[in-house]
């Protein structure tokens, strides 16, 4: 398969999995309530995203770096709001 098509698929997947966090982040921000958010899940998720980001940087995988950097910001924001708003 053409490498540019593979990169395009990677960026499309990255966009979908990254944008998926936006509605939750917006909802927690608007309601100032994170009571139903799992602290454990978001702690593990942010750690996993950080590790994927390091892996992507070390392997030079642009879609992996972009997706995990942006997703880590969104998931990290949700985690911080969980800690602040409970």
C-alpha atoms as a PDB file:
ATOM      1  CA  UNK A   1       0.000   0.000   0.000  1.00  0.00           C
ATOM      2  CA  UNK A   2       1.175   3.524  -0.748  1.00  0.00           C
ATOM      3  CA  UNK A   3       2.877   5.058   2.341  1.00  0.00           C
ATOM      4  CA  UNK A   4       0.927   8.311   1.907  1.00  0.00           C
ATOM      5  CA  UNK A   5      -2.364   6.379   2.099  1.00  0.00           C
ATOM      6  CA  UNK A   6      -1.143   4.653   5.257  1.00  0.00           C
ATOM      7  CA  UNK A   7      -0.297   8.053   6.805  1.00  0.00           C
ATOM      8  CA  UNK A   8      -3.720   9.379   5.779  1.00  0.00           C
ATOM      9  CA  UNK A   9      -5.424   6.432   7.479  1.00  0.00           C
ATOM     10  CA  UNK A  10      -3.308   7.092  10.562  1.00  0.00           C
ATOM     11  CA  UNK A  11      -4.285  10.757  10.659  1.00  0.00           C
ATOM     12  CA  UNK A  12      -7.973   9.879  10.138  1.00  0.00           C
ATOM     13  CA  UNK A  13      -7.851   7.390  13.020  1.00  0.00           C
ATOM     14  CA  UNK A  14      -5.993   9.922  15.154  1.00  0.00           C
ATOM     15  CA  UNK A  15      -8.623  12.553  14.437  1.00  0.00           C
ATOM     16  CA  UNK A  16     -11.493  10.253  15.421  1.00  0.00           C
ATOM     17  CA  UNK A  17      -9.945   9.034  18.669  1.00  0.00           C
ATOM     18  CA  UNK A  18      -8.815  12.527  19.639  1.00  0.00           C
ATOM     19  CA  UNK A  19     -12.071  14.330  18.878  1.00  0.00           C
ATOM     20  CA  UNK A  20     -13.934  11.682  20.894  1.00  0.00           C
ATOM     21  CA  UNK A  21     -12.673  13.300  24.122  1.00  0.00           C
ATOM     22  CA  UNK A  22     -13.916  16.797  23.253  1.00  0.00           C
ATOM     23  CA  UNK A  23     -17.622  16.306  24.150  1.00  0.00           C
ATOM     24  CA  UNK A  24     -16.709  14.944  27.595  1.00  0.00           C
ATOM     25  CA  UNK A  25     -14.249  17.767  28.247  1.00  0.00           C
ATOM     26  CA  UNK A  26     -16.831  20.358  27.185  1.00  0.00           C
ATOM     27  CA  UNK A  27     -19.549  18.767  29.322  1.00  0.00           C
ATOM     28  CA  UNK A  28     -17.387  18.685  32.452  1.00  0.00           C
ATOM     29  CA  UNK A  29     -16.259  22.268  31.819  1.00  0.00           C
ATOM     30  CA  UNK A  30     -19.832  23.546  31.355  1.00  0.00           C
ATOM     31  CA  UNK A  31     -21.414  21.648  34.250  1.00  0.00           C
ATOM     32  CA  UNK A  32     -18.414  21.898  36.587  1.00  0.00           C
ATOM     33  CA  UNK A  33     -19.231  18.330  37.567  1.00  0.00           C
ATOM     34  CA  UNK A  34     -16.977  15.318  37.141  1.00  0.00           C
ATOM     35  CA  UNK A  35     -18.675  13.120  39.713  1.00  0.00           C
ATOM     36  CA  UNK A  36     -19.401  10.343  37.226  1.00  0.00           C
ATOM     37  CA  UNK A  37     -15.907  10.381  35.699  1.00  0.00           C
ATOM     38  CA  UNK A  38     -13.598   7.562  36.801  1.00  0.00           C
ATOM     39  CA  UNK A  39     -10.435   8.981  38.371  1.00  0.00           C
ATOM     40  CA  UNK A  40      -8.606   5.668  37.971  1.00  0.00           C
ATOM     41  CA  UNK A  41      -9.465   5.405  34.297  1.00  0.00           C
ATOM     42  CA  UNK A  42      -8.238   8.914  33.523  1.00  0.00           C
ATOM     43  CA  UNK A  43      -5.038   8.477  35.558  1.00  0.00           C
ATOM     44  CA  UNK A  44      -4.215   5.333  33.595  1.00  0.00           C
ATOM     45  CA  UNK A  45      -5.331   6.895  30.295  1.00  0.00           C
ATOM     46  CA  UNK A  46      -3.135   9.986  30.691  1.00  0.00           C
ATOM     47  CA  UNK A  47      -0.153   7.799  31.613  1.00  0.00           C
ATOM     48  CA  UNK A  48      -0.801   5.605  28.572  1.00  0.00           C
ATOM     49  CA  UNK A  49      -1.119   8.635  26.316  1.00  0.00           C
ATOM     50  CA  UNK A  50       2.173  10.010  27.639  1.00  0.00           C
ATOM     51  CA  UNK A  51       3.869   6.693  26.893  1.00  0.00           C
ATOM     52  CA  UNK A  52       2.359   6.569  23.378  1.00  0.00           C
ATOM     53  CA  UNK A  53       3.568  10.134  22.829  1.00  0.00           C
ATOM     54  CA  UNK A  54       7.121   9.199  23.824  1.00  0.00           C
ATOM     55  CA  UNK A  55       6.942   6.102  21.618  1.00  0.00           C
ATOM     56  CA  UNK A  56       5.681   8.178  18.689  1.00  0.00           C
ATOM     57  CA  UNK A  57       8.444  10.735  19.144  1.00  0.00           C
ATOM     58  CA  UNK A  58      11.123   8.039  19.343  1.00  0.00           C
ATOM     59  CA  UNK A  59       9.784   6.214  16.284  1.00  0.00           C
ATOM     60  CA  UNK A  60       9.116   9.381  14.269  1.00  0.00           C
ATOM     61  CA  UNK A  61       5.437   8.530  13.738  1.00  0.00           C
ATOM     62  CA  UNK A  62       3.713  11.864  13.066  1.00  0.00           C
ATOM     63  CA  UNK A  63       0.080  10.661  13.317  1.00  0.00           C
ATOM     64  CA  UNK A  64       0.858   8.936  16.624  1.00  0.00           C
ATOM     65  CA  UNK A  65       2.558  12.039  18.007  1.00  0.00           C
ATOM     66  CA  UNK A  66      -0.217  14.405  16.895  1.00  0.00           C
ATOM     67  CA  UNK A  67      -3.042  12.219  18.162  1.00  0.00           C
ATOM     68  CA  UNK A  68      -1.519  11.476  21.524  1.00  0.00           C
ATOM     69  CA  UNK A  69      -0.338  15.034  22.177  1.00  0.00           C
ATOM     70  CA  UNK A  70      -3.798  16.481  21.545  1.00  0.00           C
ATOM     71  CA  UNK A  71      -5.626  13.638  23.279  1.00  0.00           C
ATOM     72  CA  UNK A  72      -3.327  13.970  26.291  1.00  0.00           C
ATOM     73  CA  UNK A  73      -4.287  17.650  26.559  1.00  0.00           C
ATOM     74  CA  UNK A  74      -8.006  16.785  26.423  1.00  0.00           C
ATOM     75  CA  UNK A  75      -7.802  13.775  28.765  1.00  0.00           C
ATOM     76  CA  UNK A  76      -5.416  15.670  31.049  1.00  0.00           C
ATOM     77  CA  UNK A  77      -7.905  18.537  31.189  1.00  0.00           C
ATOM     78  CA  UNK A  78     -10.681  16.133  32.128  1.00  0.00           C
ATOM     79  CA  UNK A  79      -8.409  14.618  34.786  1.00  0.00           C
ATOM     80  CA  UNK A  80      -7.627  18.046  36.247  1.00  0.00           C
ATOM     81  CA  UNK A  81     -11.325  18.951  36.274  1.00  0.00           C
ATOM     82  CA  UNK A  82     -12.060  15.614  37.966  1.00  0.00           C
ATOM     83  CA  UNK A  83      -9.559  16.492  40.692  1.00  0.00           C
ATOM     84  CA  UNK A  84     -10.981  20.018  41.003  1.00  0.00           C
ATOM     85  CA  UNK A  85     -14.736  19.360  40.705  1.00  0.00           C
ATOM     86  CA  UNK A  86     -14.837  15.764  41.947  1.00  0.00           C
END
